[in-house]
Amino acid sequence: MAAINVNNNESIESALRRFKRKVISEEIIKDLKKHAHFIPPGQKAKLKSANARKRNRRRFRQVRPTNMNNNQQRPNMNNNNR
């Protein structure tokens, strides 16, 4: 549980800001949302595999070349080369 001590010369706003930062760093809200409702084991496994696929898709995404020289042209992808 997040707890902070308010100093004598500290304003309520700054103490509240410190408390919010501590709650975020301890991931209390994230944990509450996770346990807010029951997820059946089968559904949990599906979510886990879907998240893994999404992570892997991001990790192994092909990087497009961004720096092309002026004298290089893109190949024509149309088959209308007459």
C-alpha atoms as a PDB file:
ATOM      1  CA  MET A   1       0.000   0.000   0.000  1.00  0.00           C
ATOM      2  CA  ALA A   2       1.288   3.440  -0.910  1.00  0.00           C
ATOM      3  CA  ALA A   3       1.894   5.725   2.046  1.00  0.00           C
ATOM      4  CA  ILE A   4       3.680   9.044   2.273  1.00  0.00           C
ATOM      5  CA  ASN A   5       4.600  11.332   5.139  1.00  0.00           C
ATOM      6  CA  VAL A   6       3.582  14.966   4.722  1.00  0.00           C
ATOM      7  CA  ASN A   7       6.336  17.345   5.815  1.00  0.00           C
ATOM      8  CA  ASN A   8       5.596  20.446   7.910  1.00  0.00           C
ATOM      9  CA  ASN A   9       6.298  23.001   5.175  1.00  0.00           C
ATOM     10  CA  GLU A  10       4.860  20.905   2.342  1.00  0.00           C
ATOM     11  CA  SER A  11       1.662  21.892   0.575  1.00  0.00           C
ATOM     12  CA  ILE A  12      -1.190  19.450   0.123  1.00  0.00           C
ATOM     13  CA  GLU A  13      -0.840  19.675  -3.670  1.00  0.00           C
ATOM     14  CA  SER A  14       2.785  18.554  -3.667  1.00  0.00           C
ATOM     15  CA  ALA A  15       2.015  15.741  -1.189  1.00  0.00           C
ATOM     16  CA  LEU A  16      -0.833  14.594  -3.418  1.00  0.00           C
ATOM     17  CA  ARG A  17       1.478  14.698  -6.444  1.00  0.00           C
ATOM     18  CA  ARG A  18       4.023  12.527  -4.599  1.00  0.00           C
ATOM     19  CA  PHE A  19       1.262  10.113  -3.562  1.00  0.00           C
ATOM     20  CA  LYS A  20       0.003   9.781  -7.153  1.00  0.00           C
ATOM     21  CA  ARG A  21       3.546   9.122  -8.399  1.00  0.00           C
ATOM     22  CA  LYS A  22       4.007   6.439  -5.769  1.00  0.00           C
ATOM     23  CA  VAL A  23       0.684   4.771  -6.665  1.00  0.00           C
ATOM     24  CA  ILE A  24       1.672   4.722 -10.346  1.00  0.00           C
ATOM     25  CA  SER A  25       5.141   3.341  -9.611  1.00  0.00           C
ATOM     26  CA  GLU A  26       3.728   0.553  -7.419  1.00  0.00           C
ATOM     27  CA  GLU A  27       1.165  -0.289 -10.140  1.00  0.00           C
ATOM     28  CA  ILE A  28      -1.738  -0.370  -7.679  1.00  0.00           C
ATOM     29  CA  ILE A  29      -4.328   0.859 -10.199  1.00  0.00           C
ATOM     30  CA  LYS A  30      -3.141  -1.652 -12.804  1.00  0.00           C
ATOM     31  CA  ASP A  31      -3.518  -4.472 -10.288  1.00  0.00           C
ATOM     32  CA  LEU A  32      -7.017  -3.316  -9.291  1.00  0.00           C
ATOM     33  CA  LYS A  33      -8.151  -3.275 -12.916  1.00  0.00           C
ATOM     34  CA  LYS A  34      -6.674  -6.723 -13.456  1.00  0.00           C
ATOM     35  CA  HIS A  35      -8.616  -8.189 -10.519  1.00  0.00           C
ATOM     36  CA  ALA A  36     -11.817  -6.193 -11.121  1.00  0.00           C
ATOM     37  CA  HIS A  37     -13.632  -9.163 -12.700  1.00  0.00           C
ATOM     38  CA  PHE A  38     -13.147 -12.887 -13.092  1.00  0.00           C
ATOM     39  CA  ILE A  39     -11.552 -14.147 -16.301  1.00  0.00           C
ATOM     40  CA  PRO A  40     -11.969 -17.890 -16.983  1.00  0.00           C
ATOM     41  CA  PRO A  41      -8.714 -19.830 -17.435  1.00  0.00           C
ATOM     42  CA  GLY A  42      -9.418 -20.540 -21.121  1.00  0.00           C
ATOM     43  CA  GLN A  43     -10.048 -16.870 -21.838  1.00  0.00           C
ATOM     44  CA  LYS A  44      -6.908 -15.932 -19.895  1.00  0.00           C
ATOM     45  CA  ALA A  45      -4.824 -18.296 -22.062  1.00  0.00           C
ATOM     46  CA  LYS A  46      -6.320 -16.806 -25.247  1.00  0.00           C
ATOM     47  CA  LEU A  47      -5.480 -13.289 -24.069  1.00  0.00           C
ATOM     48  CA  LYS A  48      -1.949 -14.337 -23.187  1.00  0.00           C
ATOM     49  CA  SER A  49      -1.308 -15.875 -26.603  1.00  0.00           C
ATOM     50  CA  ALA A  50      -2.892 -12.898 -28.388  1.00  0.00           C
ATOM     51  CA  ASN A  51      -0.634 -10.517 -26.477  1.00  0.00           C
ATOM     52  CA  ALA A  52       2.385 -12.683 -27.330  1.00  0.00           C
ATOM     53  CA  ARG A  53       1.482 -12.606 -31.039  1.00  0.00           C
ATOM     54  CA  LYS A  54       1.086  -8.835 -30.884  1.00  0.00           C
ATOM     55  CA  ARG A  55       4.455  -8.460 -29.117  1.00  0.00           C
ATOM     56  CA  ASN A  56       6.208 -10.685 -31.649  1.00  0.00           C
ATOM     57  CA  ARG A  57       4.611  -8.853 -34.572  1.00  0.00           C
ATOM     58  CA  ARG A  58       5.996  -5.584 -33.244  1.00  0.00           C
ATOM     59  CA  ARG A  59       9.410  -7.105 -32.524  1.00  0.00           C
ATOM     60  CA  PHE A  60       9.924  -8.705 -35.932  1.00  0.00           C
ATOM     61  CA  ARG A  61       8.343  -5.987 -38.064  1.00  0.00           C
ATOM     62  CA  GLN A  62      10.327  -5.226 -41.195  1.00  0.00           C
ATOM     63  CA  VAL A  63      12.026  -1.858 -41.171  1.00  0.00           C
ATOM     64  CA  ARG A  64      11.426   0.199 -44.294  1.00  0.00           C
ATOM     65  CA  PRO A  65      14.369   2.084 -45.783  1.00  0.00           C
ATOM     66  CA  THR A  66      13.864   5.767 -45.054  1.00  0.00           C
ATOM     67  CA  ASN A  67      17.033   7.249 -46.535  1.00  0.00           C
ATOM     68  CA  MET A  68      16.943   6.930 -50.324  1.00  0.00           C
ATOM     69  CA  ASN A  69      19.415   8.829 -52.485  1.00  0.00           C
ATOM     70  CA  ASN A  70      18.084  11.183 -55.156  1.00  0.00           C
ATOM     71  CA  ASN A  71      19.573   9.154 -58.014  1.00  0.00           C
ATOM     72  CA  GLN A  72      17.913   5.945 -56.816  1.00  0.00           C
ATOM     73  CA  GLN A  73      14.331   5.448 -57.853  1.00  0.00           C
ATOM     74  CA  ARG A  74      11.750   3.093 -56.527  1.00  0.00           C
ATOM     75  CA  PRO A  75      11.026   0.151 -58.803  1.00  0.00           C
ATOM     76  CA  ASN A  76       7.791   0.405 -60.729  1.00  0.00           C
ATOM     77  CA  MET A  77       5.384  -2.049 -59.165  1.00  0.00           C
ATOM     78  CA  ASN A  78       2.845  -1.834 -61.996  1.00  0.00           C
ATOM     79  CA  ASN A  79       3.046  -4.330 -64.839  1.00  0.00           C
ATOM     80  CA  ASN A  80       2.409  -1.606 -67.419  1.00  0.00           C
ATOM     81  CA  ASN A  81       6.033  -1.392 -68.656  1.00  0.00           C
ATOM     82  CA  ARG A  82       5.341  -0.837 -72.372  1.00  0.00           C
END
